[in-house]
Amino acid sequence: MARLHTLIRDNGRQAILDLDYDRRVVEAAAGYLATEDVEVGFLFSGWAYTPLPHRRLKDDETWTVRTDHASVVVQPGLFVPDQGEPIPVGVPYGSRARLILLYLQTQAIKNQSREVELGHSLTNWMRKMNIPKGGKSYVDVREQADRIARCRLSFQFKQGSISALVNQHILDQAVFSGDPMSPSTSFAESVKLSEGYYEQLKRHPLPVEDAAVRQISNNSMAIDLYIWLAYRLHALNKATQITWKSLHIQFGSGYGRLDNFKIRFRESLALALAVYPDADVTDGSIGIVLNPSRPPVMSKTKSISIE
């Protein structure tokens, strides 16, 4: 992938589009290299090992991911109507949920406050992340914000014979606008991260580049892989092989067949590497090999041609 970035710098985006590269990868790499945005986002590092689902689950279904190092259980929250029984709203999923979580955690770290304003501020940030305002996009953002506001998490981490369990909500409080009796029309205007989640975030923040996430903002698996690589690569001291079986367990829930997962994984990995030029990752028949690499939040060359 480093060769692609060099080609774009030397020849420009349009010239590379005529070569045998996936257009989506070229566009992501060129967009990332051309940006002047140096802003940094933050998220709890536990998400590097335990991503949210890519697709919608049944509204009453619990989400579980288990790896060798960590596991997470996400329980759907409940909406309480004016009459009748509480209604499960489902766990957060997809790229929109990931972007909202990144926004919440970034604002909390930058402002050193558990309280985060949404509404207009979130709308502007989502537009910056290439998410158009209005229509289905607005409905999706509203729905995912509601799911995040109500869900409950259980993180478990393992190191040797020692394990740690963290049970918490992401948010303690949320102030909604719109119809308070309708989860489909209300929107969380301001929220307050739970004290437990906020403390974990401050202890274990993972920095990522806004410019990178923006270029892959519509691909949830590419976002997951970028976050995972941002967490793992700079901490390595030697080449480390990750098998397809392990990758399937961590990132492939919802993909029953390993061959189908490999296709989607390789496409998403190419996008993640397109916005992480210093990442040194090689593909193989057994799995992939991670090599020690600089973290993504580093200064990068700006002067390139993109015409």
Protein backbone atom coordinates (compact mmCIF):
# COMPACT_ATOMS: atom_id res chain seq x y z
CA MET A 1 0.00 0.00 0.00
CA ALA A 2 2.96 2.33 0.57
CA ARG A 3 3.61 2.16 -3.19
CA LEU A 4 0.11 3.51 -3.87
CA HIS A 5 0.68 6.53 -1.65
CA THR A 6 4.01 7.22 -3.34
CA LEU A 7 2.38 6.98 -6.78
CA ILE A 8 -0.37 9.40 -5.77
CA ARG A 9 2.16 11.88 -4.38
CA ASP A 10 4.29 11.68 -7.52
CA ASN A 11 1.62 11.48 -10.22
CA GLY A 12 -1.67 12.67 -8.76
CA ARG A 13 -4.97 10.92 -8.17
CA GLN A 14 -6.28 10.98 -11.76
CA ALA A 15 -3.23 9.25 -13.20
CA ILE A 16 -3.48 6.42 -10.68
CA LEU A 17 -7.19 5.86 -11.41
CA ASP A 18 -6.12 4.57 -14.83
CA LEU A 19 -3.99 1.85 -13.22
CA ASP A 20 -5.11 -1.48 -11.76
CA TYR A 21 -6.22 -0.21 -8.35
CA ASP A 22 -9.62 -0.29 -6.73
CA ARG A 23 -11.11 3.16 -7.33
CA ARG A 24 -12.48 3.33 -3.76
CA VAL A 25 -9.00 2.72 -2.35
CA VAL A 26 -7.40 5.33 -4.62
CA GLU A 27 -10.04 7.91 -3.72
CA ALA A 28 -9.64 7.22 0.01
CA ALA A 29 -5.83 7.43 -0.15
CA ALA A 30 -5.84 10.60 -2.27
CA GLY A 31 -8.46 12.26 -0.10
CA TYR A 32 -6.49 11.48 3.02
CA LEU A 33 -3.15 12.65 1.63
CA ALA A 34 -4.63 15.88 0.29
CA THR A 35 -6.35 17.04 3.48
CA GLU A 36 -4.95 19.82 5.62
CA ASP A 37 -6.98 18.62 8.61
CA VAL A 38 -4.71 17.59 11.48
CA GLU A 39 -7.41 17.15 14.11
CA VAL A 40 -7.23 14.11 16.36
CA GLY A 41 -10.14 12.06 17.66
CA PHE A 42 -10.22 9.76 20.68
CA LEU A 43 -12.04 6.61 21.70
CA PHE A 44 -11.81 4.00 24.42
CA SER A 45 -9.16 1.48 23.36
CA GLY A 46 -11.41 -1.45 24.27
CA TRP A 47 -13.27 -0.89 20.99
CA ALA A 48 -10.10 -1.92 19.13
CA TYR A 49 -10.76 -5.56 20.05
CA THR A 50 -14.53 -5.64 20.43
CA PRO A 51 -16.35 -3.85 17.60
CA LEU A 52 -20.09 -3.26 17.34
CA PRO A 53 -22.20 -5.21 14.80
CA HIS A 54 -22.10 -4.11 11.18
CA ARG A 55 -25.75 -4.87 10.50
CA ARG A 56 -28.98 -4.41 12.37
CA LEU A 57 -29.92 -7.14 14.83
CA LYS A 58 -33.34 -7.93 16.22
CA ASP A 59 -34.30 -5.14 18.60
CA ASP A 60 -34.29 -7.47 21.61
CA GLU A 61 -31.06 -9.28 20.63
CA THR A 62 -27.86 -9.01 22.68
CA TRP A 63 -24.54 -8.56 20.86
CA THR A 64 -21.46 -10.54 21.96
CA VAL A 65 -17.89 -10.57 20.64
CA ARG A 66 -15.20 -12.82 22.16
CA THR A 67 -11.49 -12.77 21.32
CA ASP A 68 -8.38 -14.18 22.96
CA HIS A 69 -7.81 -10.88 24.74
CA ALA A 70 -11.22 -9.39 25.39
CA SER A 71 -14.95 -9.76 25.09
CA VAL A 72 -17.88 -7.38 25.04
CA VAL A 73 -21.59 -7.87 25.59
CA VAL A 74 -23.89 -5.06 24.43
CA GLN A 75 -27.44 -5.25 25.72
CA PRO A 76 -30.18 -3.25 24.00
CA GLY A 77 -31.75 -0.51 26.06
CA LEU A 78 -35.45 0.07 26.61
CA PHE A 79 -37.85 2.81 25.58
CA VAL A 80 -40.70 3.33 28.03
CA PRO A 81 -43.92 4.47 26.29
CA ASP A 82 -46.70 6.40 28.00
CA GLN A 83 -48.66 3.16 28.19
CA GLY A 84 -47.80 -0.50 27.84
CA GLU A 85 -44.62 -2.48 28.31
CA PRO A 86 -41.06 -1.14 27.76
CA ILE A 87 -39.85 -1.59 24.18
CA PRO A 88 -36.28 -2.71 23.31
CA VAL A 89 -34.64 -0.28 20.87
CA GLY A 90 -31.79 -2.53 19.70
CA VAL A 91 -28.02 -2.27 20.02
CA PRO A 92 -26.05 0.33 18.03
CA TYR A 93 -24.67 -0.88 14.69
CA GLY A 94 -22.99 0.23 11.47
CA SER A 95 -20.78 3.16 10.55
CA ARG A 96 -23.10 5.86 11.94
CA ALA A 97 -22.95 4.39 15.46
CA ARG A 98 -19.16 4.29 15.30
CA LEU A 99 -18.96 7.93 14.18
CA ILE A 100 -21.30 9.11 16.94
CA LEU A 101 -19.28 7.23 19.56
CA LEU A 102 -16.06 8.75 18.21
CA TYR A 103 -17.61 12.21 18.41
CA LEU A 104 -18.84 11.74 21.99
CA GLN A 105 -15.51 10.42 23.23
CA THR A 106 -13.46 13.03 21.36
CA GLN A 107 -15.50 15.90 22.79
CA ALA A 108 -15.27 14.43 26.30
CA ILE A 109 -11.47 14.13 26.10
CA LYS A 110 -10.88 17.53 24.48
CA ASN A 111 -13.19 19.39 26.84
CA GLN A 112 -12.29 17.25 29.88
CA SER A 113 -15.98 16.93 30.64
CA ARG A 114 -18.52 14.12 30.75
CA GLU A 115 -21.17 16.47 29.30
CA VAL A 116 -21.39 16.64 25.49
CA GLU A 117 -23.70 18.74 23.33
CA LEU A 118 -25.20 17.02 20.30
CA GLY A 119 -27.82 18.67 18.10
CA HIS A 120 -26.23 21.33 15.90
CA SER A 121 -22.65 20.45 16.91
CA LEU A 122 -23.08 16.78 16.01
CA THR A 123 -24.76 17.71 12.72
CA ASN A 124 -21.80 19.87 11.72
CA TRP A 125 -19.34 17.15 12.67
CA MET A 126 -21.24 14.45 10.78
CA ARG A 127 -21.20 16.68 7.70
CA LYS A 128 -17.44 16.99 8.16
CA MET A 129 -17.31 13.17 8.19
CA ASN A 130 -19.00 13.12 4.73
CA ILE A 131 -22.44 12.22 6.12
CA PRO A 132 -25.05 14.38 4.32
CA LYS A 133 -27.59 16.31 6.39
CA GLY A 134 -31.26 15.41 6.14
CA GLY A 135 -33.24 12.52 4.70
CA LYS A 136 -32.28 8.95 5.56
CA SER A 137 -28.90 10.00 6.95
CA TYR A 138 -30.56 12.15 9.59
CA VAL A 139 -32.93 9.32 10.52
CA ASP A 140 -29.99 6.90 10.80
CA VAL A 141 -28.00 9.26 13.03
CA ARG A 142 -31.01 9.91 15.25
CA GLU A 143 -31.70 6.18 15.62
CA GLN A 144 -28.09 5.27 16.43
CA ALA A 145 -27.81 8.10 18.96
CA ASP A 146 -30.91 6.76 20.70
CA ARG A 147 -29.51 3.21 20.76
CA ILE A 148 -26.20 4.44 22.19
CA ALA A 149 -28.01 6.46 24.85
CA ARG A 150 -29.89 3.42 26.12
CA CYS A 151 -27.57 0.40 25.69
CA ARG A 152 -25.51 -1.30 28.42
CA LEU A 153 -21.98 -2.71 28.04
CA SER A 154 -19.98 -5.44 29.73
CA PHE A 155 -16.27 -5.44 28.83
CA GLN A 156 -14.01 -8.27 30.00
CA PHE A 157 -10.25 -8.20 29.49
CA LYS A 158 -7.77 -11.04 29.98
CA GLN A 159 -4.02 -11.08 30.51
CA GLY A 160 -2.57 -14.42 31.50
CA SER A 161 -4.47 -15.72 34.53
CA ILE A 162 -5.84 -12.27 35.38
CA SER A 163 -9.15 -10.94 34.06
CA ALA A 164 -11.08 -7.71 34.65
CA LEU A 165 -14.78 -7.02 34.18
CA VAL A 166 -16.31 -3.59 33.53
CA ASN A 167 -20.11 -3.22 33.51
CA GLN A 168 -21.48 0.17 32.53
CA HIS A 169 -23.72 2.32 30.40
CA ILE A 170 -22.02 4.61 27.93
CA LEU A 171 -24.26 7.46 29.07
CA ASP A 172 -25.72 8.42 32.43
CA GLN A 173 -28.06 11.09 31.10
CA ALA A 174 -29.59 12.26 27.83
CA VAL A 175 -31.91 15.19 27.08
CA PHE A 176 -34.22 14.49 24.14
CA SER A 177 -36.08 16.84 21.80
CA GLY A 178 -39.10 15.91 19.70
CA ASP A 179 -41.88 13.59 20.81
CA PRO A 180 -40.78 12.04 24.14
CA MET A 181 -43.25 9.20 23.61
CA SER A 182 -41.79 8.18 20.24
CA PRO A 183 -38.27 6.74 19.92
CA SER A 184 -38.46 7.23 16.13
CA THR A 185 -38.95 11.03 16.29
CA SER A 186 -37.04 12.10 19.43
CA PHE A 187 -33.36 13.08 19.37
CA ALA A 188 -30.75 13.33 22.13
CA GLU A 189 -29.70 16.99 22.20
CA SER A 190 -27.21 16.68 25.05
CA VAL A 191 -25.74 13.72 26.91
CA LYS A 192 -23.52 12.92 29.86
CA LEU A 193 -21.07 10.03 29.72
CA SER A 194 -21.31 7.66 32.64
CA GLU A 195 -18.61 8.20 35.23
CA GLY A 196 -17.28 4.66 34.82
CA TYR A 197 -17.06 4.87 31.04
CA TYR A 198 -15.48 8.32 31.20
CA GLU A 199 -12.82 7.12 33.63
CA GLN A 200 -11.99 4.15 31.40
CA LEU A 201 -11.78 6.50 28.40
CA LYS A 202 -9.38 8.84 30.21
CA ARG A 203 -7.18 5.92 31.33
CA HIS A 204 -7.10 4.20 27.95
CA PRO A 205 -7.67 6.75 25.15
CA LEU A 206 -6.78 5.72 21.60
CA PRO A 207 -5.95 8.65 19.28
CA VAL A 208 -7.00 8.47 15.62
CA GLU A 209 -7.00 10.95 12.76
CA ASP A 210 -10.27 12.63 11.80
CA ALA A 211 -8.97 12.91 8.24
CA ALA A 212 -8.54 9.14 8.02
CA VAL A 213 -11.93 8.27 9.46
CA ARG A 214 -13.61 10.77 7.14
CA GLN A 215 -12.40 8.92 4.05
CA ILE A 216 -13.78 5.56 5.24
CA SER A 217 -16.81 6.88 7.12
CA ASN A 218 -19.33 4.74 5.22
CA ASN A 219 -17.58 1.41 5.79
CA SER A 220 -17.97 0.07 9.34
CA MET A 221 -15.45 -2.77 8.95
CA ALA A 222 -12.82 -0.42 7.50
CA ILE A 223 -13.31 1.86 10.53
CA ASP A 224 -12.90 -1.14 12.86
CA LEU A 225 -9.71 -2.26 11.12
CA TYR A 226 -8.22 1.23 11.14
CA ILE A 227 -8.90 1.49 14.90
CA TRP A 228 -7.48 -1.99 15.52
CA LEU A 229 -4.31 -1.27 13.55
CA ALA A 230 -3.92 2.12 15.26
CA TYR A 231 -3.97 0.30 18.58
CA ARG A 232 -1.80 -2.70 17.74
CA LEU A 233 0.90 -1.80 15.24
CA HIS A 234 2.91 0.76 17.19
CA ALA A 235 3.03 -1.52 20.25
CA LEU A 236 4.59 -4.46 18.39
CA ASN A 237 8.29 -5.29 18.64
CA LYS A 238 8.26 -8.06 16.03
CA ALA A 239 6.20 -9.38 13.13
CA THR A 240 2.99 -11.00 14.39
CA GLN A 241 0.77 -13.35 12.41
CA ILE A 242 -3.01 -13.25 12.90
CA THR A 243 -4.86 -16.25 11.50
CA TRP A 244 -8.00 -16.05 9.40
CA LYS A 245 -9.82 -17.94 12.13
CA SER A 246 -8.94 -15.29 14.72
CA LEU A 247 -9.83 -12.48 12.34
CA HIS A 248 -13.15 -14.13 11.58
CA ILE A 249 -13.99 -14.40 15.28
CA GLN A 250 -13.09 -10.78 15.98
CA PHE A 251 -14.43 -9.01 12.90
CA GLY A 252 -16.62 -11.51 11.05
CA SER A 253 -19.72 -12.00 13.17
CA GLY A 254 -22.54 -12.26 10.68
CA TYR A 255 -20.36 -13.96 8.06
CA GLY A 256 -21.03 -17.69 8.29
CA ARG A 257 -18.60 -18.69 5.53
CA LEU A 258 -14.93 -17.93 5.96
CA ASP A 259 -14.38 -17.38 2.22
CA ASN A 260 -17.09 -14.70 2.13
CA PHE A 261 -15.55 -13.03 5.16
CA LYS A 262 -12.08 -13.02 3.56
CA ILE A 263 -13.40 -11.11 0.55
CA ARG A 264 -15.05 -8.42 2.69
CA PHE A 265 -12.10 -8.28 5.09
CA ARG A 266 -9.53 -7.75 2.32
CA GLU A 267 -11.63 -5.00 0.74
CA SER A 268 -12.03 -3.25 4.09
CA LEU A 269 -8.36 -3.73 5.01
CA ALA A 270 -7.32 -2.08 1.75
CA LEU A 271 -9.44 0.96 2.66
CA ALA A 272 -8.02 1.09 6.20
CA LEU A 273 -4.45 0.93 4.87
CA ALA A 274 -5.28 3.63 2.31
CA VAL A 275 -5.70 6.10 5.20
CA TYR A 276 -2.86 4.74 7.34
CA PRO A 277 0.20 5.07 5.07
CA ASP A 278 2.71 3.97 7.73
CA ALA A 279 0.90 0.71 8.49
CA ASP A 280 2.98 -2.34 7.52
CA VAL A 281 0.59 -5.25 6.98
CA THR A 282 1.02 -8.20 4.61
CA ASP A 283 -1.60 -10.67 3.41
CA GLY A 284 -1.12 -14.42 3.25
CA SER A 285 -2.88 -17.76 2.94
CA ILE A 286 -2.89 -18.41 6.71
CA GLY A 287 -3.93 -14.88 7.64
CA ILE A 288 -2.22 -11.49 7.81
CA VAL A 289 1.09 -10.39 9.30
CA LEU A 290 1.29 -7.23 11.40
CA ASN A 291 4.68 -5.53 11.47
CA PRO A 292 5.85 -2.82 13.89
CA SER A 293 4.72 0.55 12.50
CA ARG A 294 4.46 4.17 13.52
CA PRO A 295 1.11 5.18 15.02
CA PRO A 296 -1.28 6.99 12.65
CA VAL A 297 -1.34 10.26 14.57
CA MET A 298 1.88 11.62 13.13
CA SER A 299 2.71 14.52 10.85
CA LYS A 300 2.30 13.66 7.19
CA THR A 301 3.46 15.11 3.88
CA LYS A 302 0.99 17.72 2.61
CA SER A 303 2.36 18.89 -0.70
CA ILE A 304 0.91 16.53 -3.29
CA SER A 305 -0.97 16.77 -6.54
CA ILE A 306 -4.55 15.50 -6.55
CA GLU A 307 -5.65 16.65 -10.01
